[in-house]
Protein backbone atom coordinates (compact mmCIF):
# COMPACT_ATOMS: atom_id res chain seq x y z
CA MET A 1 -17.34 0.27 -13.98
CA ARG A 2 -14.30 0.58 -11.34
CA ARG A 3 -11.76 1.27 -14.05
CA LEU A 4 -14.27 3.83 -15.53
CA ARG A 5 -14.66 5.80 -11.90
CA GLN A 6 -10.74 5.54 -12.31
CA LEU A 7 -10.22 7.15 -15.76
CA VAL A 8 -12.68 10.18 -14.78
CA VAL A 9 -11.19 10.73 -11.81
CA GLY A 10 -7.80 10.75 -13.83
CA LEU A 11 -9.15 13.02 -16.79
CA ALA A 12 -11.36 15.29 -14.24
CA PRO A 13 -8.45 17.71 -13.65
CA VAL A 14 -6.82 17.44 -17.44
CA VAL A 15 -9.94 19.02 -18.53
CA ILE A 16 -10.73 21.24 -15.43
CA VAL A 17 -7.52 23.00 -15.94
CA LEU A 18 -7.24 23.46 -19.29
CA VAL A 19 -11.12 24.55 -19.96
CA LEU A 20 -10.14 27.61 -17.16
CA GLY A 21 -6.82 28.08 -18.60
CA GLU A 22 -8.83 28.40 -22.13
CA LEU A 23 -11.31 30.88 -20.31
CA HIS A 24 -8.43 32.77 -18.73
CA ALA A 25 -6.61 33.71 -21.92
CA HIS A 26 -9.59 34.40 -23.72
CA LEU A 27 -11.81 36.49 -21.11
CA ILE A 28 -9.62 38.06 -19.03
CA GLY A 29 -5.78 37.95 -19.73
CA HIS A 30 -6.45 38.06 -23.79
CA TYR A 31 -3.03 36.29 -24.03
CA ALA A 32 -2.25 32.60 -25.71
CA PHE A 33 -2.30 30.16 -24.28
CA THR A 34 -1.00 27.17 -26.07
CA GLY A 35 2.58 27.11 -27.15
CA THR A 36 3.59 29.39 -24.35
CA GLN A 37 5.37 28.97 -21.19
CA ARG A 38 2.03 29.04 -19.36
CA PHE A 39 1.05 26.01 -21.38
CA ALA A 40 4.07 24.27 -19.70
CA TRP A 41 3.47 25.57 -15.99
CA THR A 42 -0.59 24.32 -17.02
CA ALA A 43 1.01 20.74 -17.34
CA GLY A 44 3.05 21.06 -14.34
CA TYR A 45 -0.09 22.08 -12.51
CA VAL A 46 -1.85 18.75 -13.60
CA LEU A 47 0.66 16.57 -12.57
CA LEU A 48 0.71 17.86 -9.29
CA LEU A 49 -3.02 17.33 -9.06
CA GLU A 50 -2.71 13.73 -9.88
CA GLY A 51 0.09 13.30 -7.65
CA PHE A 52 -2.14 14.58 -4.65
CA ALA A 53 -5.12 12.62 -5.96
CA TYR A 54 -3.37 9.27 -5.40
CA ILE A 55 -1.50 10.23 -2.47
CA ALA A 56 -4.67 11.53 -0.91
CA GLY A 57 -6.74 8.22 -1.98
CA VAL A 58 -10.00 10.10 -3.17
CA LEU A 59 -11.17 6.67 -4.41
CA ASP A 60 -9.80 4.80 -1.83
CA ASP A 61 -12.58 1.84 0.00
CA GLU A 62 -13.99 1.67 3.27
CA GLN A 63 -13.08 5.03 4.01
CA SER A 64 -15.61 7.09 6.75
CA THR A 65 -17.44 9.99 5.71
CA VAL A 66 -14.88 12.10 7.14
CA SER A 67 -12.18 10.55 5.33
CA VAL A 68 -13.32 11.31 2.43
CA VAL A 69 -13.94 14.83 2.51
CA TRP A 70 -10.26 15.04 4.08
CA SER A 71 -8.98 13.39 0.88
CA ALA A 72 -10.76 15.66 -1.31
CA LEU A 73 -9.43 18.91 0.72
CA VAL A 74 -5.67 17.12 0.16
CA ALA A 75 -6.03 16.09 -3.44
CA ALA A 76 -7.97 19.19 -4.21
CA PHE A 77 -5.73 22.02 -2.77
CA GLY A 78 -2.50 20.07 -1.92
CA GLY A 79 -1.93 20.80 -5.50
CA ALA A 80 -2.86 24.39 -5.68
CA PHE A 81 -0.76 25.28 -2.77
CA ALA A 82 1.96 23.51 -3.96
CA ILE A 83 2.07 25.21 -7.35
CA SER A 84 1.39 28.50 -5.55
CA LEU A 85 4.77 27.82 -3.68
CA ILE A 86 6.77 26.88 -6.41
CA GLN A 87 5.50 30.09 -8.53
CA LEU A 88 6.48 32.24 -5.70
CA ALA A 89 9.90 30.48 -5.08
CA LEU A 90 10.89 30.85 -8.78
CA GLY A 91 9.22 34.36 -9.29
CA SER A 92 7.24 33.08 -11.83
CA LEU A 93 3.24 33.99 -11.55
CA LEU A 94 2.61 32.86 -15.03
CA LEU A 95 -0.49 30.19 -14.16
CA PRO A 96 -3.21 32.62 -12.73
CA ARG A 97 -4.52 32.37 -9.21
CA GLU A 98 -7.83 31.94 -11.18
CA VAL A 99 -7.12 29.06 -12.92
CA VAL A 100 -5.37 27.64 -9.90
CA PHE A 101 -7.88 27.96 -7.16
CA GLY A 102 -10.84 27.67 -9.21
CA THR A 103 -9.57 24.29 -10.15
CA ALA A 104 -9.54 23.52 -7.26
CA LEU A 105 -12.90 24.72 -5.46
CA ILE A 106 -14.53 22.69 -8.52
CA LEU A 107 -12.11 19.45 -7.63
CA PHE A 108 -13.11 19.21 -4.08
CA PRO A 109 -17.00 18.76 -4.41
CA PHE A 110 -16.44 16.20 -7.30
CA TYR A 111 -13.66 14.27 -5.17
CA VAL A 112 -16.16 14.41 -2.02
CA VAL A 113 -18.79 13.11 -4.21
CA MET A 114 -16.47 10.32 -6.12
CA GLY A 115 -15.23 9.11 -2.92
CA LEU A 116 -18.51 8.76 -1.11
CA THR A 117 -19.90 6.28 -3.90
CA SER A 118 -16.25 4.57 -4.14
CA GLN A 119 -17.31 1.71 -1.73
CA SER A 120 -20.89 1.19 -2.87
CA ALA A 121 -19.38 0.84 -6.33
CA TRP A 122 -16.13 -1.67 -5.13
CA SER A 123 -18.71 -3.96 -3.16
CA GLU A 124 -21.50 -3.92 -6.09
CA GLY A 125 -18.84 -4.42 -8.73
CA GLY A 126 -15.39 -6.44 -9.17
CA ASP A 127 -15.13 -10.78 -9.73
CA ARG A 128 -17.62 -13.43 -8.26
CA ILE A 129 -14.94 -15.97 -7.22
CA LEU A 130 -15.64 -19.65 -6.65
CA ALA A 131 -13.11 -21.00 -4.52
CA VAL A 132 -12.44 -24.93 -4.24
CA VAL A 133 -9.80 -25.12 -1.11
CA ALA A 134 -9.59 -26.83 1.91
CA PRO A 135 -11.76 -25.60 4.55
CA ASP A 136 -8.96 -23.68 6.21
CA GLU A 137 -8.10 -21.96 3.23
CA GLY A 138 -11.48 -20.71 3.02
CA LEU A 139 -11.57 -19.37 6.28
CA ALA A 140 -8.35 -17.58 5.44
CA LEU A 141 -9.51 -16.58 2.10
CA GLU A 142 -12.66 -14.83 4.12
CA ALA A 143 -10.79 -13.09 6.11
CA ASP A 144 -8.60 -11.74 3.82
CA PHE A 145 -11.70 -10.14 1.81
CA GLN A 146 -12.36 -8.19 5.18
CA ARG A 147 -9.23 -6.39 4.60
CA ALA A 148 -8.30 -4.39 1.80
CA PRO A 149 -7.74 -6.36 -1.18
CA GLU A 150 -5.99 -4.92 -4.05
CA ARG A 151 -9.23 -5.89 -6.71
CA PRO A 152 -12.48 -5.56 -5.92
CA GLY A 153 -14.56 -9.06 -6.07
CA ARG A 154 -16.47 -11.27 -3.43
CA LEU A 155 -16.77 -14.96 -2.56
CA VAL A 156 -19.61 -16.43 -4.22
CA ALA A 157 -18.99 -20.02 -3.20
CA ILE A 158 -16.32 -21.87 -1.36
CA LEU A 159 -15.89 -26.04 -1.76
CA ASP A 160 -14.14 -28.04 -0.25
CA PRO A 161 -12.25 -30.32 -2.71
CA ALA A 162 -13.44 -33.42 -1.53
CA ALA A 163 -16.97 -32.31 -1.97
CA VAL A 164 -16.55 -31.69 -5.71
CA ALA A 165 -16.73 -34.61 -8.35
CA THR A 166 -13.47 -36.40 -8.24
CA VAL A 167 -13.93 -39.06 -10.82
CA GLU A 168 -15.27 -38.93 -14.15
CA SER A 169 -18.40 -41.36 -13.78
CA PRO A 170 -21.89 -42.08 -16.08
CA SER A 171 -23.67 -41.99 -12.67
CA PRO A 172 -23.86 -38.16 -11.45
CA GLY A 173 -25.27 -39.15 -8.27
CA GLU A 174 -21.83 -40.79 -7.33
CA ARG A 175 -19.76 -37.99 -8.31
CA GLY A 176 -20.68 -35.18 -5.76
CA LEU A 177 -20.69 -31.57 -6.97
CA GLU A 178 -19.77 -30.74 -10.52
CA LEU A 179 -17.67 -27.83 -10.72
CA ILE A 180 -18.88 -26.44 -13.81
CA ASP A 181 -22.37 -26.57 -12.67
CA VAL A 182 -21.71 -24.67 -9.31
CA ALA A 183 -19.78 -22.04 -11.39
CA GLY A 184 -22.75 -21.73 -13.59
CA ALA A 185 -25.20 -21.12 -11.04
CA THR A 186 -23.08 -18.76 -9.12
CA ARG A 187 -22.14 -17.09 -12.13
CA ALA A 188 -18.60 -17.02 -11.21
CA THR A 189 -15.87 -15.13 -12.89
CA VAL A 190 -12.92 -16.65 -11.46
CA VAL A 191 -12.24 -19.86 -10.11
CA VAL A 192 -9.51 -20.50 -7.49
CA LEU A 193 -8.02 -23.94 -7.33
CA GLY A 194 -5.91 -24.86 -3.96
CA ARG A 195 -3.46 -27.58 -3.68
CA ASP A 196 -5.75 -30.16 -3.43
CA ALA A 197 -8.23 -29.68 -6.42
CA LEU A 198 -4.72 -29.17 -8.46
CA ALA A 199 -4.11 -32.42 -7.45
CA ASP A 200 -7.58 -34.30 -8.74
CA GLU A 201 -7.56 -34.67 -12.81
CA TRP A 202 -10.83 -34.55 -13.15
CA THR A 203 -11.61 -31.15 -11.11
CA VAL A 204 -8.97 -29.84 -13.39
CA ALA A 205 -10.44 -30.79 -16.21
CA GLN A 206 -14.17 -28.92 -15.41
CA ALA A 207 -11.57 -26.11 -15.02
CA ALA A 208 -10.61 -26.49 -18.23
CA VAL A 209 -14.00 -26.40 -19.86
CA LEU A 210 -14.30 -23.23 -17.57
CA HIS A 211 -11.33 -21.41 -18.63
CA GLY A 212 -12.49 -22.05 -22.28
CA ARG A 213 -15.83 -20.57 -21.61
CA GLY A 214 -14.52 -17.27 -20.47
CA VAL A 215 -13.90 -17.85 -16.80
CA ARG A 216 -10.62 -17.37 -15.24
CA VAL A 217 -8.49 -20.11 -13.33
CA ARG A 218 -6.32 -19.12 -10.91
CA THR A 219 -4.32 -21.06 -8.52
CA LEU A 220 -4.22 -20.10 -4.82
CA ALA A 221 -1.14 -18.70 -4.75
CA LEU A 222 -1.49 -16.78 -8.08
CA PHE A 223 -4.96 -15.40 -6.64
CA TYR A 224 -3.20 -13.83 -3.65
CA ASP A 225 -0.45 -12.22 -5.61
CA GLN A 226 -2.84 -10.37 -7.94
CA TRP A 227 -5.90 -9.82 -5.45
CA PHE A 228 -4.33 -9.55 -1.80
CA GLY A 229 -0.60 -8.34 -2.67
CA LYS A 230 0.89 -11.30 -0.52
CA LEU A 231 1.73 -14.72 -0.89
CA PRO A 232 -0.68 -17.67 1.16
CA VAL A 233 1.25 -19.17 4.20
CA ALA A 234 0.70 -22.57 2.79
CA ASP A 235 3.14 -21.68 0.01
CA LEU A 236 5.56 -19.62 1.95
CA GLU A 237 8.07 -22.84 2.45
CA ARG A 238 7.29 -24.28 -1.14
CA ILE A 239 7.93 -20.78 -3.46
CA SER A 240 10.47 -18.63 -0.75
CA LEU A 241 13.60 -19.49 -2.97
CA MET A 242 11.49 -19.77 -6.39
CA PHE A 243 11.90 -16.10 -7.46
CA ASP A 244 14.86 -13.68 -8.12
CA ILE A 245 15.11 -10.83 -5.67
CA GLN A 246 15.89 -7.51 -7.45
CA GLU A 247 18.26 -6.34 -4.96
CA LEU A 248 20.34 -9.38 -5.13
CA HIS A 249 20.23 -10.33 -8.75
CA THR A 250 19.97 -6.87 -10.48
CA ARG A 251 22.97 -4.54 -9.92
CA SER A 252 21.41 -1.60 -11.71
CA TYR A 253 18.42 -1.64 -9.82
CA ALA A 254 20.32 -1.57 -6.40
CA ARG A 255 22.25 0.94 -7.68
CA LEU A 256 19.56 3.25 -8.29
CA LYS A 257 17.99 2.38 -4.86
CA ARG A 258 20.65 3.38 -3.43
CA VAL A 259 21.08 6.46 -4.77
CA ILE A 260 17.70 7.27 -3.82
CA ASP A 261 18.01 6.33 -0.33
CA LEU A 262 20.80 8.76 -0.31
CA MET A 263 18.96 11.37 -2.33
CA ALA A 264 16.09 10.61 0.48
CA ALA A 265 18.51 10.76 3.48
CA GLY A 266 19.88 14.27 2.50
CA ILE A 267 16.35 15.43 2.40
CA GLY A 268 15.33 13.87 5.38
CA LEU A 269 18.01 15.47 7.51
CA VAL A 270 17.19 18.69 6.09
CA VAL A 271 13.78 18.14 7.34
CA LEU A 272 15.21 16.45 11.02
CA VAL A 273 17.32 19.72 11.72
CA ILE A 274 14.34 21.71 11.53
CA ALA A 275 12.07 18.97 13.51
CA VAL A 276 14.34 18.41 16.33
CA PRO A 277 13.81 22.00 17.97
CA LEU A 278 9.83 21.63 17.59
CA VAL A 279 10.23 17.88 19.14
CA TRP A 280 12.43 19.23 21.77
CA LEU A 281 9.97 21.48 22.85
CA ALA A 282 6.78 20.03 22.50
CA ASP A 283 8.61 16.99 24.81
CA ARG A 284 9.61 19.58 27.64
CA PHE A 285 5.62 19.71 27.80
CA GLY A 286 4.34 16.30 27.30
CA ASN A 287 6.88 14.04 26.76
CA ARG A 288 9.87 14.82 29.45
CA GLY A 289 13.00 12.49 29.18
CA PRO A 290 15.88 12.28 26.01
CA LEU A 291 14.88 13.22 22.93
CA LEU A 292 15.73 10.18 20.73
CA TYR A 293 15.18 6.63 21.53
CA ARG A 294 17.87 3.71 20.54
CA GLN A 295 16.83 0.31 19.91
CA VAL A 296 19.00 -2.70 18.47
CA ARG A 297 17.15 -4.28 15.63
CA THR A 298 18.62 -7.05 12.86
CA GLY A 299 19.36 -5.94 9.23
CA LYS A 300 20.48 -7.46 6.24
CA GLY A 301 22.15 -10.43 6.41
CA GLY A 302 21.18 -10.97 10.24
CA ARG A 303 23.48 -8.14 10.93
CA PRO A 304 22.30 -5.98 14.23
CA PHE A 305 22.47 -2.24 13.88
CA THR A 306 21.41 0.60 16.39
CA ILE A 307 17.76 2.39 14.90
CA LEU A 308 17.17 5.64 15.76
CA LYS A 309 14.08 7.44 16.42
CA PHE A 310 12.59 10.20 18.33
CA ARG A 311 11.51 9.16 21.81
CA THR A 312 7.59 8.50 21.92
CA MET A 313 7.03 6.43 25.20
CA PRO A 314 8.12 8.21 28.92
CA PRO A 315 11.39 6.94 29.58
CA SER A 316 9.99 4.87 32.57
CA THR A 317 7.80 2.38 29.83
CA SER A 318 9.42 -0.04 27.80
CA GLU A 319 9.17 0.39 23.82
CA ALA A 320 10.95 -3.38 23.91
CA GLU A 321 7.27 -4.78 23.45
CA TRP A 322 5.38 -5.53 20.62
CA THR A 323 3.47 -2.47 19.70
CA LYS A 324 0.13 -2.43 20.17
CA GLU A 325 -3.06 -0.78 18.11
CA SER A 326 -3.98 2.36 20.27
CA ASP A 327 -0.91 1.89 22.50
CA PRO A 328 -1.58 3.07 25.98
CA ARG A 329 1.87 3.49 26.48
CA LEU A 330 1.75 6.80 24.32
CA GLY A 331 1.45 9.93 25.89
CA PHE A 332 0.03 12.84 24.10
CA VAL A 333 3.06 14.01 21.98
CA GLY A 334 4.40 10.37 21.37
CA ARG A 335 0.74 9.44 20.21
CA TRP A 336 0.82 12.49 17.69
CA LEU A 337 4.87 11.86 16.69
CA ARG A 338 3.46 8.19 15.66
CA ARG A 339 0.16 9.43 13.84
CA LEU A 340 2.10 11.60 11.90
CA HIS A 341 5.58 9.34 11.22
CA LEU A 342 7.75 12.29 12.31
CA ASP A 343 9.06 9.72 15.04
CA GLU A 344 10.82 8.05 12.14
CA LEU A 345 12.70 11.20 10.81
CA PRO A 346 15.89 10.07 12.86
CA GLN A 347 16.48 7.33 10.41
CA SER A 348 17.70 9.48 8.12
CA VAL A 349 21.17 8.81 9.80
CA ASN A 350 20.26 4.89 9.32
CA ILE A 351 19.81 5.26 5.56
CA LEU A 352 22.80 7.67 5.06
CA ARG A 353 25.01 5.07 7.07
CA GLY A 354 23.60 2.31 4.70
CA GLU A 355 22.19 0.31 7.91
CA LEU A 356 18.46 0.93 6.48
CA SER A 357 17.13 1.73 3.04
CA LEU A 358 13.80 3.80 2.39
CA VAL A 359 11.81 0.77 1.56
CA GLY A 360 12.14 -2.96 2.44
CA PRO A 361 10.81 -4.99 5.06
CA ARG A 362 10.92 -3.65 8.79
CA PRO A 363 13.66 -4.55 11.26
CA GLU A 364 12.89 -6.29 13.84
CA GLN A 365 14.50 -6.69 17.43
CA PRO A 366 16.67 -9.59 17.25
CA ARG A 367 15.14 -11.34 20.15
CA TYR A 368 11.91 -11.61 18.15
CA VAL A 369 13.93 -12.55 14.92
CA ASP A 370 15.06 -15.55 16.95
CA GLU A 371 11.53 -16.56 17.97
CA LEU A 372 9.82 -15.85 14.77
CA ALA A 373 12.78 -17.63 13.13
CA GLU A 374 12.23 -20.94 15.06
CA LYS A 375 8.18 -21.24 14.48
CA ILE A 376 8.22 -19.29 11.12
CA PRO A 377 9.75 -21.35 8.28
CA TYR A 378 11.86 -19.36 5.91
CA TYR A 379 11.72 -16.33 7.97
CA ASP A 380 15.62 -15.44 7.51
CA VAL A 381 14.76 -14.68 3.54
CA ARG A 382 13.65 -11.43 4.75
CA HIS A 383 16.77 -10.26 5.90
CA LEU A 384 18.19 -11.05 2.30
CA VAL A 385 17.68 -7.25 1.74
CA LEU A 386 18.24 -4.06 3.34
CA PRO A 387 14.95 -3.26 6.01
CA GLY A 388 13.16 -0.39 5.07
CA VAL A 389 11.84 2.71 6.88
CA THR A 390 8.32 1.63 4.94
CA GLY A 391 7.48 -1.35 3.17
CA TRP A 392 4.95 -2.95 1.44
CA ALA A 393 3.58 -5.37 4.71
CA GLN A 394 3.71 -2.07 6.88
CA VAL A 395 1.42 -0.12 4.20
CA LYS A 396 -1.10 -3.40 3.94
CA PHE A 397 -0.61 -4.15 7.53
CA GLY A 398 0.87 -2.13 9.85
CA TYR A 399 2.87 -3.20 13.07
CA ALA A 400 3.05 -6.75 13.98
CA ALA A 401 1.52 -7.20 17.67
CA GLY A 402 2.48 -11.02 18.25
CA VAL A 403 3.80 -14.03 16.47
CA GLU A 404 0.85 -14.60 14.25
CA ASP A 405 0.64 -11.10 12.61
CA ALA A 406 4.45 -11.31 12.01
CA LEU A 407 3.32 -14.54 9.91
CA GLU A 408 0.73 -12.75 8.48
CA LYS A 409 3.12 -9.96 7.51
CA LEU A 410 5.67 -12.27 6.42
CA GLN A 411 3.05 -13.31 3.44
CA TYR A 412 3.14 -9.11 2.21
CA GLU A 413 6.94 -9.16 2.61
CA PHE A 414 7.43 -12.18 0.40
CA PHE A 415 5.29 -10.45 -2.38
CA TYR A 416 7.19 -7.48 -2.01
CA LEU A 417 10.82 -9.78 -2.45
CA ARG A 418 9.38 -11.38 -5.31
CA HIS A 419 8.15 -8.23 -7.19
CA GLN A 420 10.67 -5.78 -5.96
CA GLY A 421 11.39 -3.06 -8.42
CA PRO A 422 11.21 0.60 -8.87
CA ILE A 423 7.39 0.88 -9.98
CA LEU A 424 6.68 -1.17 -6.55
CA ASP A 425 8.64 1.09 -4.02
CA THR A 426 7.16 4.02 -5.62
CA ARG A 427 3.74 2.76 -4.77
CA ILE A 428 4.85 2.08 -1.01
CA LEU A 429 6.08 5.42 -0.88
CA ALA A 430 2.63 6.83 -2.44
CA ARG A 431 0.62 5.04 -0.02
CA THR A 432 2.94 5.81 3.09
CA LEU A 433 2.89 9.52 2.05
CA ARG A 434 -1.31 9.03 1.98
CA SER A 435 -0.99 7.45 5.61
CA VAL A 436 1.09 10.41 6.57
CA VAL A 437 -1.56 12.94 5.07
CA ARG A 438 -4.25 10.79 7.44
CA ALA A 439 -2.27 10.87 10.11
CA ASP A 440 -2.95 7.04 10.30
CA GLY A 441 0.61 6.20 12.39
CA ARG A 442 -0.27 4.21 15.55
C-alpha cells in the first residue's frame, strides 16, 4: 500500500504538468507542445517538483498537521518559484505561468491529503514481525520502533529463545513454544533471529520451514540494517572490521567526494559572504559578542582541528557541554541560527581546508572522544574517514547529549561506514535540506 502511495505521489506532478501543458498549448497558446523547447522546460519543471517533494517529505510519517501543510506548501510552490527564478535569470519564459502555478495550486491540496493519511497507512501496513531475541534485545527493538524506522512494520510478538523449543521431541509438552505455531498464530511475515536463537539448531530448522512458506527470515543485525538504518549494539564489535569503507578502499569514490566537497565549499562561501553582515546585524540586537565561535574537534585519523561556526550562545556561556534539546543556553538569535542550520555556514572554510567533508560522522571534542573511546568498543573506527557537516547519524538521531546517546549515534555511523557511497550521501543531503526547510535544527 505504501509503495502504491509513493507511486501515486511520484506520478502526480508528471500527469498534472503534462495535462496542463497540453491544455494550454491547444486552448490558449495554440502552439505545438511536444518536440519543442517548451517540452524540455516542462520536463525540467517536473524534475524540480519531484526534488522538492522528496526534500519536503510529503509522505513522511509521524508529522503533525502543521508539518503536513508546511511540507505540502514547500513541495508544491517551491518548484514553481524555483523554475520561475530560473526562467527569469535566463530570460526565457517558454513555460507558461498558468502551467507553473496551476500545477502548484492542484498539487498543494493533493499533498496535504496524502500527508494526512500517510501516518495511518504506515501504522496499518508494513510487515508483521516476530522476534526471537534475548529480553534486552527485545526492549531495544521496541524502543527503535518508536523512533523513525526506514520501513513500515510492527512487532507482533517477542519470544525469549529460552522459551522456544530447543530439541525435536515426540512429546510437544516438553519442547516449549513451537516457533512455527507462534508465527502462524500471529500471521508473522518476518522472523528475526537473535544470536541465541541462531545458536539453536531446532529453532533454525523451524525458521527454514517458515522461509519455505514465504515468511522472510532475518538475523538481528540484518534486520537492524534494513529496517532501522543502523547496526545493533551487540554486533558493533563483532562486525566493525568486516566491511569495506568506500572512502578508504575505493579511490574513485574518494576523489568524487572531494570534488563535490570543493563545489559545496565554493557555494557555501558565496552564501557565507552574504550571510555575515545579516548575522552580524542580528547579533547586535540579540546576541552581542564575537561573530564566530571556534572549537577544537577530532578529525580524520584522530588529528585535532579548529571548527568554525557562527556563535549561537552568549560569550559568557560554555558551548563545550553536551548539546541539549531546546538548549536553555541559546538566545533568540542563536536558536534560529541553529534551527535553520545557518550556524554551520562557516564550516565551508573547514571543507576547503580538507578538515571536513560535506557528509560524514560529526566531529566530537577531544575530551569526549577520549571518554567515549574508553567506554565504547571500536569507537575510533569513525575516525577512519573525514568528519562531516552532516551525516546519517545526524539526520536519524540528532545531537548526542551523553554517553548513551553517543553509543546510539555510533550504531548509525557504522551503518554509514558500511554503506558509504554516492546514493547514501545524496539521501543524507536531501534529508538535511528537509530539516533546513522545516527548521528542525536545535
